Every structure is written in C-alpha cells, then in structure tokens.
Protein backbone atom coordinates (compact mmCIF):
# COMPACT_ATOMS: atom_id res chain seq x y z
CA UNK A 1 -3.48 11.64 24.78
CA UNK A 2 -0.60 13.02 26.84
CA UNK A 3 -0.80 10.23 29.42
CA UNK A 4 -0.59 7.71 26.59
CA UNK A 5 2.42 9.50 25.09
CA UNK A 6 4.18 9.47 28.46
CA UNK A 7 3.59 5.70 28.67
CA UNK A 8 4.98 5.25 25.16
CA UNK A 9 8.12 7.20 26.08
CA UNK A 10 8.57 5.08 29.19
CA UNK A 11 8.27 1.90 27.11
CA UNK A 12 10.75 3.33 24.57
CA UNK A 13 13.32 4.00 27.30
CA UNK A 14 12.81 0.48 28.69
CA UNK A 15 13.45 -1.00 25.25
CA UNK A 16 16.54 1.20 24.91
CA UNK A 17 17.90 -0.28 28.13
CA UNK A 18 17.25 -3.81 26.90
CA UNK A 19 19.28 -3.14 23.76
CA UNK A 20 22.30 -2.84 26.03
CA UNK A 21 21.44 -5.94 28.08
CA UNK A 22 24.10 -8.66 27.42
CA UNK A 23 21.48 -11.43 27.73
CA UNK A 24 19.33 -9.81 25.04
CA UNK A 25 22.34 -9.12 22.80
CA UNK A 26 23.36 -12.80 22.93
CA UNK A 27 19.88 -13.92 21.83
CA UNK A 28 19.70 -12.70 18.22
CA UNK A 29 15.97 -13.37 17.86
CA UNK A 30 15.14 -11.49 21.05
CA UNK A 31 17.50 -8.66 20.11
CA UNK A 32 15.87 -8.24 16.71
CA UNK A 33 12.40 -8.14 18.28
CA UNK A 34 13.48 -5.49 20.81
CA UNK A 35 15.32 -3.48 18.12
CA UNK A 36 12.24 -3.48 15.87
CA UNK A 37 9.91 -2.45 18.71
CA UNK A 38 12.37 0.33 19.63
CA UNK A 39 12.59 1.50 16.01
CA UNK A 40 8.80 1.46 15.61
CA UNK A 41 8.42 3.92 18.50
CA UNK A 42 11.35 6.21 17.65
CA UNK A 43 9.46 8.66 15.39
CA UNK A 44 6.57 9.03 17.83
CA UNK A 45 8.85 9.54 20.85
CA UNK A 46 10.99 11.99 18.89
CA UNK A 47 7.92 14.08 18.01
CA UNK A 48 6.66 13.89 21.62
CA UNK A 49 10.00 15.21 22.91
CA UNK A 50 9.92 18.04 20.36
CA UNK A 51 6.45 18.90 21.61
CA UNK A 52 7.57 18.94 25.26
CA UNK A 53 10.55 21.15 24.40
CA UNK A 54 8.25 23.58 22.58
CA UNK A 55 5.99 23.72 25.66
CA UNK A 56 8.99 24.59 27.84
CA UNK A 57 10.01 27.35 25.41
CA UNK A 58 6.41 28.64 25.43
CA UNK A 59 6.41 28.90 29.22
CA UNK A 60 9.76 30.70 29.20
CA UNK A 61 8.55 33.16 26.56
CA UNK A 62 5.34 33.87 28.49
CA UNK A 63 7.41 34.55 31.62
CA UNK A 64 9.63 36.87 29.59
CA UNK A 65 6.59 38.81 28.39
CA UNK A 66 5.40 39.26 31.97
CA UNK A 67 8.57 41.25 32.69
CA UNK A 68 9.19 44.88 31.88
CA UNK A 69 10.59 44.98 28.34
CA UNK A 70 11.22 47.71 25.83
CA UNK A 71 8.89 47.82 22.84
CA UNK A 72 11.31 46.10 20.43
CA UNK A 73 12.01 43.17 22.78
CA UNK A 74 8.30 42.80 23.55
CA UNK A 75 7.47 42.63 19.83
CA UNK A 76 10.15 39.98 19.25
CA UNK A 77 8.95 37.93 22.24
CA UNK A 78 5.35 38.18 21.01
CA UNK A 79 6.36 36.97 17.53
CA UNK A 80 8.21 34.04 19.12
CA UNK A 81 5.19 33.26 21.31
CA UNK A 82 2.83 33.19 18.30
CA UNK A 83 5.21 30.95 16.36
CA UNK A 84 5.50 28.54 19.30
CA UNK A 85 1.72 28.34 19.65
CA UNK A 86 1.41 27.46 15.95
CA UNK A 87 4.20 24.89 16.26
CA UNK A 88 2.62 23.29 19.33
CA UNK A 89 -0.78 23.07 17.61
CA UNK A 90 0.89 21.40 14.60
CA UNK A 91 2.74 18.97 16.88
CA UNK A 92 -0.53 18.04 18.59
CA UNK A 93 -2.18 17.28 15.23
CA UNK A 94 0.81 15.15 14.17
CA UNK A 95 0.84 13.29 17.47
CA UNK A 96 -2.87 12.47 17.22
CA UNK A 97 -2.28 10.95 13.79
CA UNK A 98 0.83 9.07 14.95
CA UNK A 99 -1.14 7.56 17.85
CA UNK A 100 -3.61 5.92 15.47
CA UNK A 101 -2.91 2.15 15.63
CA UNK A 102 -0.80 1.15 12.64
CA UNK A 103 -1.90 -1.51 10.22
CA UNK A 104 0.39 -4.45 11.09
CA UNK A 105 0.78 -5.14 7.37
CA UNK A 106 1.99 -1.63 6.45
CA UNK A 107 5.67 -2.62 6.18
CA UNK A 108 4.99 -5.72 4.11
CA UNK A 109 5.72 -6.25 0.44
CA UNK A 110 2.66 -6.40 -1.80
CA UNK A 111 1.13 -8.45 -4.56
CA UNK A 112 -0.89 -6.38 -7.03
CA UNK A 113 -3.40 -8.31 -9.13
CA UNK A 114 -4.84 -6.55 -12.18
CA UNK A 115 -7.73 -8.04 -14.15
CA UNK A 116 -9.36 -6.77 -17.32
CA UNK A 117 -13.05 -6.08 -16.74
CA UNK A 118 -15.80 -4.68 -18.94
CA UNK A 119 -14.69 -3.37 -22.33
CA UNK A 120 -13.28 -6.24 -24.38
CA UNK A 121 -9.78 -5.84 -25.83
CA UNK A 122 -9.56 -2.23 -24.66
CA UNK A 123 -9.89 -3.31 -21.01
CA UNK A 124 -6.93 -5.65 -21.52
CA UNK A 125 -4.87 -2.78 -22.95
CA UNK A 126 -5.85 -0.61 -19.98
CA UNK A 127 -4.84 -3.41 -17.60
CA UNK A 128 -1.40 -3.31 -19.26
CA UNK A 129 -1.27 0.47 -18.75
CA UNK A 130 -2.06 0.03 -15.04
CA UNK A 131 0.62 -2.64 -14.75
CA UNK A 132 3.17 -0.24 -16.22
CA UNK A 133 1.94 2.58 -13.93
CA UNK A 134 2.51 0.55 -10.77
CA UNK A 135 5.83 -0.77 -12.07
CA UNK A 136 7.02 2.79 -12.74
CA UNK A 137 5.77 3.92 -9.33
CA UNK A 138 7.77 1.15 -7.66
CA UNK A 139 10.87 2.08 -9.67
CA UNK A 140 10.54 5.72 -8.56
CA UNK A 141 10.66 4.51 -4.95
CA UNK A 142 13.58 2.17 -5.53
CA UNK A 143 11.46 -0.93 -4.96
CA UNK A 144 11.92 -4.26 -6.73
CA UNK A 145 9.20 -5.55 -9.05
CA UNK A 146 8.54 -9.01 -10.44
CA UNK A 147 5.80 -10.11 -12.82
CA UNK A 148 4.63 -13.23 -11.00
CA UNK A 149 1.96 -14.35 -13.42
CA UNK A 150 0.24 -13.03 -16.53
CA UNK A 151 -2.21 -13.95 -19.24
CA UNK A 152 -1.69 -11.71 -22.27
CA UNK A 153 -4.30 -10.97 -24.92
CA UNK A 154 -1.94 -11.05 -27.89
CA UNK A 155 -2.28 -7.35 -28.80
CA UNK A 156 -0.24 -5.88 -25.95
CA UNK A 157 -2.86 -6.23 -23.22
CA UNK A 158 -3.49 -8.54 -20.29
CA UNK A 159 -6.60 -10.32 -19.17
CA UNK A 160 -4.76 -10.84 -15.87
CA UNK A 161 -1.39 -9.78 -14.46
CA UNK A 162 0.05 -10.36 -10.99
CA UNK A 163 2.87 -8.04 -9.93
CA UNK A 164 5.06 -8.57 -6.87
CA UNK A 165 6.54 -5.40 -5.32
CA UNK A 166 9.25 -5.58 -2.65
CA UNK A 167 10.03 -2.45 -0.68
CA UNK A 168 9.72 -1.06 2.84
CA UNK A 169 6.26 0.40 3.33
CA UNK A 170 4.98 -0.80 -0.05
CA UNK A 171 1.65 -1.95 1.37
CA UNK A 172 1.15 1.26 3.36
CA UNK A 173 1.47 3.26 0.13
CA UNK A 174 -0.50 1.02 -2.22
CA UNK A 175 -3.26 -0.52 -0.09
CA UNK A 176 -5.90 1.98 -1.22
CA UNK A 177 -5.19 1.38 -4.92
CA UNK A 178 -7.54 -1.60 -4.85
CA UNK A 179 -10.84 -1.12 -6.66
CA UNK A 180 -12.39 -0.66 -10.08
CA UNK A 181 -10.41 1.64 -12.34
CA UNK A 182 -12.41 3.04 -15.26
CA UNK A 183 -10.88 4.48 -18.44
CA UNK A 184 -12.49 6.78 -21.01
CA UNK A 185 -10.57 7.18 -24.28
CA UNK A 186 -10.52 6.38 -27.98
CA UNK A 187 -9.13 2.83 -28.20
CA UNK A 188 -6.46 1.93 -30.75
CA UNK A 189 -8.86 -0.83 -31.81
CA UNK A 190 -11.63 1.70 -32.60
CA UNK A 191 -11.65 2.82 -36.24
CA UNK A 192 -14.47 5.38 -35.92
CA UNK A 193 -12.75 7.45 -33.23
CA UNK A 194 -15.51 7.09 -30.63
CA UNK A 195 -14.65 7.48 -26.94
CA UNK A 196 -14.93 4.08 -25.30
CA UNK A 197 -15.42 3.28 -21.60
CA UNK A 198 -13.89 0.15 -20.10
CA UNK A 199 -12.68 -1.02 -16.72
CA UNK A 200 -10.07 -3.09 -14.93
CA UNK A 201 -10.00 -4.25 -11.32
CA UNK A 202 -6.99 -3.86 -9.05
CA UNK A 203 -6.45 -5.90 -5.91
CA UNK A 204 -3.60 -5.08 -3.51
CA UNK A 205 -2.64 -7.73 -0.95
CA UNK A 206 0.10 -7.74 1.70
CA UNK A 207 2.51 -10.52 0.77
CA UNK A 208 2.55 -13.24 3.41
CA UNK A 209 5.78 -14.73 4.75
CA UNK A 210 6.11 -18.43 5.41
CA UNK A 211 5.80 -17.73 9.13
CA UNK A 212 2.49 -15.93 8.52
CA UNK A 213 0.82 -18.93 6.88
CA UNK A 214 1.60 -22.59 7.43
CA UNK A 215 0.63 -24.79 4.48
CA UNK A 216 0.35 -28.56 4.75
CA UNK A 217 1.64 -30.25 1.60
CA UNK A 218 -1.09 -32.88 1.94
CA UNK A 219 -3.64 -30.10 1.35
CA UNK A 220 -2.24 -29.33 -2.11
CA UNK A 221 -3.04 -30.71 -5.54
CA UNK A 222 -0.21 -29.74 -7.89
CA UNK A 223 -0.67 -30.13 -11.64
CA UNK A 224 1.86 -29.41 -14.36
CA UNK A 225 1.10 -28.51 -17.95
CA UNK A 226 2.72 -26.90 -20.96
CA UNK A 227 2.86 -23.14 -20.80
CA UNK A 228 1.73 -21.14 -23.80
CA UNK A 229 1.33 -17.57 -24.94
CA UNK A 230 -1.17 -15.84 -27.19
CA UNK A 231 -0.43 -16.59 -30.80
CA UNK A 232 1.43 -19.78 -30.00
CA UNK A 233 4.84 -18.25 -30.55
CA UNK A 234 6.53 -19.49 -27.40
CA UNK A 235 4.79 -22.74 -26.57
CA UNK A 236 6.97 -24.80 -24.25
CA UNK A 237 7.57 -28.44 -25.12
CA UNK A 238 8.09 -29.30 -21.44
CA UNK A 239 5.46 -29.15 -18.73
CA UNK A 240 6.85 -26.14 -16.83
CA UNK A 241 3.55 -24.43 -15.97
CA UNK A 242 2.13 -25.03 -12.49
CA UNK A 243 -1.42 -25.14 -11.17
CA UNK A 244 -1.81 -25.47 -7.38
CA UNK A 245 -5.16 -26.15 -5.76
CA UNK A 246 -5.47 -25.67 -2.00
CA UNK A 247 -8.11 -28.25 -1.18
CA UNK A 248 -9.40 -26.87 2.17
CA UNK A 249 -10.04 -23.38 0.77
CA UNK A 250 -10.61 -24.16 -2.91
CA UNK A 251 -8.10 -21.47 -3.93
CA UNK A 252 -6.42 -22.15 -7.28
CA UNK A 253 -3.26 -20.38 -8.42
CA UNK A 254 -1.37 -20.81 -11.67
CA UNK A 255 2.00 -19.67 -12.93
CA UNK A 256 3.57 -20.25 -16.33
CA UNK A 257 5.83 -17.24 -16.90
CA UNK A 258 9.12 -18.92 -15.93
CA UNK A 259 10.88 -21.53 -18.04
CA UNK A 260 11.66 -23.55 -14.93
CA UNK A 261 8.96 -25.64 -13.27
CA UNK A 262 10.61 -25.00 -9.89
CA UNK A 263 10.52 -21.22 -10.35
CA UNK A 264 6.87 -21.36 -11.39
CA UNK A 265 6.08 -23.44 -8.31
CA UNK A 266 7.86 -21.00 -5.99
CA UNK A 267 5.94 -18.09 -7.49
CA UNK A 268 2.64 -19.94 -7.26
CA UNK A 269 3.28 -20.72 -3.59
CA UNK A 270 3.93 -17.03 -2.90
CA UNK A 271 0.57 -16.14 -4.42
CA UNK A 272 -1.19 -18.93 -2.55
CA UNK A 273 0.29 -17.88 0.82
CA UNK A 274 -0.81 -14.31 0.21
CA UNK A 275 -4.38 -15.28 -0.67
CA UNK A 276 -4.62 -17.54 2.37
CA UNK A 277 -3.23 -14.76 4.55
CA UNK A 278 -5.86 -12.37 3.23
CA UNK A 279 -8.62 -14.87 4.05
CA UNK A 280 -7.25 -15.19 7.57
CA UNK A 281 -7.36 -11.41 8.01
CA UNK A 282 -10.91 -11.30 6.65
CA UNK A 283 -12.01 -13.99 9.07
CA UNK A 284 -10.66 -11.94 12.00
CA UNK A 285 -11.92 -8.55 10.88
CA UNK A 286 -15.38 -8.31 9.34
CA UNK A 287 -14.82 -4.65 8.42
CA UNK A 288 -11.91 -5.72 6.20
CA UNK A 289 -14.28 -8.04 4.36
CA UNK A 290 -16.69 -5.18 3.62
CA UNK A 291 -13.84 -2.91 2.59
CA UNK A 292 -12.51 -5.56 0.25
CA UNK A 293 -15.90 -6.03 -1.41
CA UNK A 294 -16.39 -2.33 -1.94
CA UNK A 295 -12.89 -1.91 -3.32
CA UNK A 296 -12.94 -4.71 -5.86
CA UNK A 297 -16.58 -5.15 -6.84
CA UNK A 298 -17.45 -7.18 -9.91
CA UNK A 299 -15.28 -5.35 -12.43
CA UNK A 300 -18.25 -3.67 -14.10
CA UNK A 301 -17.51 -0.13 -15.27
CA UNK A 302 -20.42 1.29 -13.25
CA UNK A 303 -18.68 0.26 -9.99
CA UNK A 304 -15.85 2.75 -10.20
CA UNK A 305 -13.41 3.99 -7.59
CA UNK A 306 -11.26 5.97 -10.06
CA UNK A 307 -11.74 7.31 -13.59
CA UNK A 308 -8.98 8.03 -16.10
CA UNK A 309 -10.37 10.42 -18.73
CA UNK A 310 -7.91 10.83 -21.60
CA UNK A 311 -9.76 13.53 -23.65
CA UNK A 312 -9.95 15.76 -20.54
CA UNK A 313 -6.44 14.83 -19.28
CA UNK A 314 -7.82 14.07 -15.82
CA UNK A 315 -7.85 11.39 -13.14
CA UNK A 316 -10.65 11.47 -10.56
CA UNK A 317 -10.76 9.32 -7.45
CA UNK A 318 -14.44 9.07 -6.55
CA UNK A 319 -13.85 7.93 -2.97
CA UNK A 320 -12.31 11.27 -1.99
CA UNK A 321 -13.59 13.37 -4.94
CA UNK A 322 -10.09 14.50 -5.86
CA UNK A 323 -9.09 15.28 -9.46
CA UNK A 324 -5.62 15.62 -10.98
CA UNK A 325 -5.04 17.14 -14.43
CA UNK A 326 -1.83 15.51 -15.61
CA UNK A 327 -2.72 12.09 -16.93
CA UNK A 328 0.54 11.30 -18.82
CA UNK A 329 2.65 11.86 -15.69
CA UNK A 330 0.16 9.91 -13.56
CA UNK A 331 0.29 6.92 -15.91
CA UNK A 332 4.09 7.13 -15.73
CA UNK A 333 3.93 6.43 -12.00
CA UNK A 334 3.62 9.93 -10.52
CA UNK A 335 0.74 8.97 -8.24
CA UNK A 336 2.04 10.06 -4.82
CA UNK A 337 -0.31 13.04 -4.57
CA UNK A 338 -3.36 10.80 -4.94
CA UNK A 339 -1.93 8.23 -2.53
CA UNK A 340 -1.16 10.93 0.07
CA UNK A 341 -4.73 12.21 -0.12
CA UNK A 342 -6.21 8.72 0.21
CA UNK A 343 -4.06 8.06 3.28
CA UNK A 344 -5.02 11.44 4.75
CA UNK A 345 -8.71 10.66 4.24
CA UNK A 346 -8.26 7.30 5.94
CA UNK A 347 -6.47 8.94 8.89
CA UNK A 348 -9.26 11.51 9.20
CA UNK A 349 -11.86 8.74 9.39
CA UNK A 350 -9.84 6.91 12.03
CA UNK A 351 -9.48 10.11 14.08
CA UNK A 352 -13.27 10.50 14.04
CA UNK A 353 -13.60 6.98 15.44
CA UNK A 354 -10.92 7.62 18.07
CA UNK A 355 -12.67 10.78 19.19
C-alpha cells in the first residue's frame, strides 16, 4: 500500500508542475484535464502526507522516551505516543478506503426513475412519497431537481416519475437507492383501516453527457402526440408530447410534461442518452448487470431491499440489516445516515476483494 501511495504522490507532484507549464496553460482542454486529475488526487495525497508526518512525530516521541525523563514528562510523552499510534492506525484505515478505485460515474448527475409496483393506487401514492423524499434530499444538499417525465394517477400518486438531479457527487450518494421499496401502512383509500403492503421500484442511473454517448439521428423514430393528464383537465390541443424510439436498442422514451415540443424532446433525449449509457456499462461489466437485476427486480413486494413501516415508525434496509426509527424525518429527505451505511458496506466488500 505504501509503495502505491508514494507513486500517487509522485504523480500528484508531476501534475502540479504541469499546471505551471505555459504550453499546458495555453491549451485549455489539456489544462482542464490536468487540473481535474490533480484535484482528484489532492485528498489522498493530503491524507498520505498527514500519515507520514504522524510517523515522524511517532519516531521522535519514541526517541524522547528512550532518554532519561522525570516521571511527569515520561507520562506526557507516553500519552502523546498512544495518541499518535491511534491516529496512525486511523490514517491507515482511511488510506486503504481512499485507495479503492473510484466509480468513474460518482461525480455525475443522476436520473432517478420511480415506478409504482404491487399495491394498486396505494403504490402510486407511495411512489409520490418517494419522489418527494428524493427531491427534499437533493434540496438539503443544494442540488437542482427537475421532474423530467411523469404519469400521474389522478389522486396524487404516480405510476411513473423520472427525476433529474444535478449536483456534484449526486450519483455517489444515491447509487445504492435503487431497488424495491416496500411500504406498510393504512392507505388513505382504505376505509376499514387495515394495514396494506405495497411496493415501488427505484432505479438510479448516472446521467450521460453527449460526449459519453453518440446518437445517430437516423437511428431515431420520433413521434409527436397530444399530452394529457389524469382527469382530462389539462389536455393540450397541440402535439407537444414526444415519443422517441431508438431503433438499434428498442429503447422507447416519452416526455409530455413541458408545454413546448422542443423542451419535451430535449428531456427525452437526456433520458435516452442515460439509458444507452447504462447499457454500455452493463455490456462492459457483467457484475453491474447482476447488481442491477438484484436492485430493481420485478417490482413485486416480496422482492424488497427496504421497508417503510408506518405503524412502527421504522425504515429497514434489508441489504445491510440497518433500521432507523424516525420515519417522518426520513421521508422528508433526512436519509444520509442510511446512505452512509450503504456506502460503508460497499467499501467493506471492496476491501475484502482487494485483500
């Protein structure tokens, strides 16, 4: 590990020199690439240098203890030695985690797709609750949100909703939210007061840039139609809704939420690029395919990754067997504790593989 860290520091210093190279500065594209690579290594190199400094202090303290000292000075030096040993051990743990190869998509924006599953109208209402939860979470982090596409049920729920979230590190925080989310509660549609179980599926995809996916216009079938909403209250007289079919892959995306046909087309293309990008990743990494299948499943309530139990005021993530007892706050977007634990579990699994 230490040889690798020394190599990383050497690369970091080389990049630092390039940032002052006039030839690199004149080439904006090259400068940006070097600056990003330098920035990506800064936290790791900073931690490595802190570790090395702590090792130097440890050696100095050990040498001090080998000298003749009065009892008070020896006690103080011993306390400092113990603290340094604890600090060094903590640094080593942090460095091992930081050396785990990063997911190249971690800094990307995300597209969150929520679909009602088993449970009828109640599953649509729960899908709406999940949409609000992720919107509130994004707001808490200062990220931008945009409802890209939705199909409402007419009673405040959604059979499908697609949410775009823009913010640094959005994918790294939300990528483990994908899966089947199961809710247990008394629905507003239930007159007898029985606890009902329903489910919604969540899919979290890194949003692809145009440079990530090249789309040939000849591969697209683009249809327009009149957008509508449940109840027929806001039926558009003009054909502003867009349906795009990508012929080589068979992927179909639709968007009707904007009043402008152009805006609907731009949104639909964002969703199409992201789905194509995901397929490209799956083709390259078979383990991603398996992970995706296990996360999303069929939407049946028996295939659960997380349960929201309203009568017991609890949320349980079954992948890591962690339970939180504060459901109102969780549904208002306070989900960082669960996300931190999911990321920690993932890091622990990766460390096992590395070792």
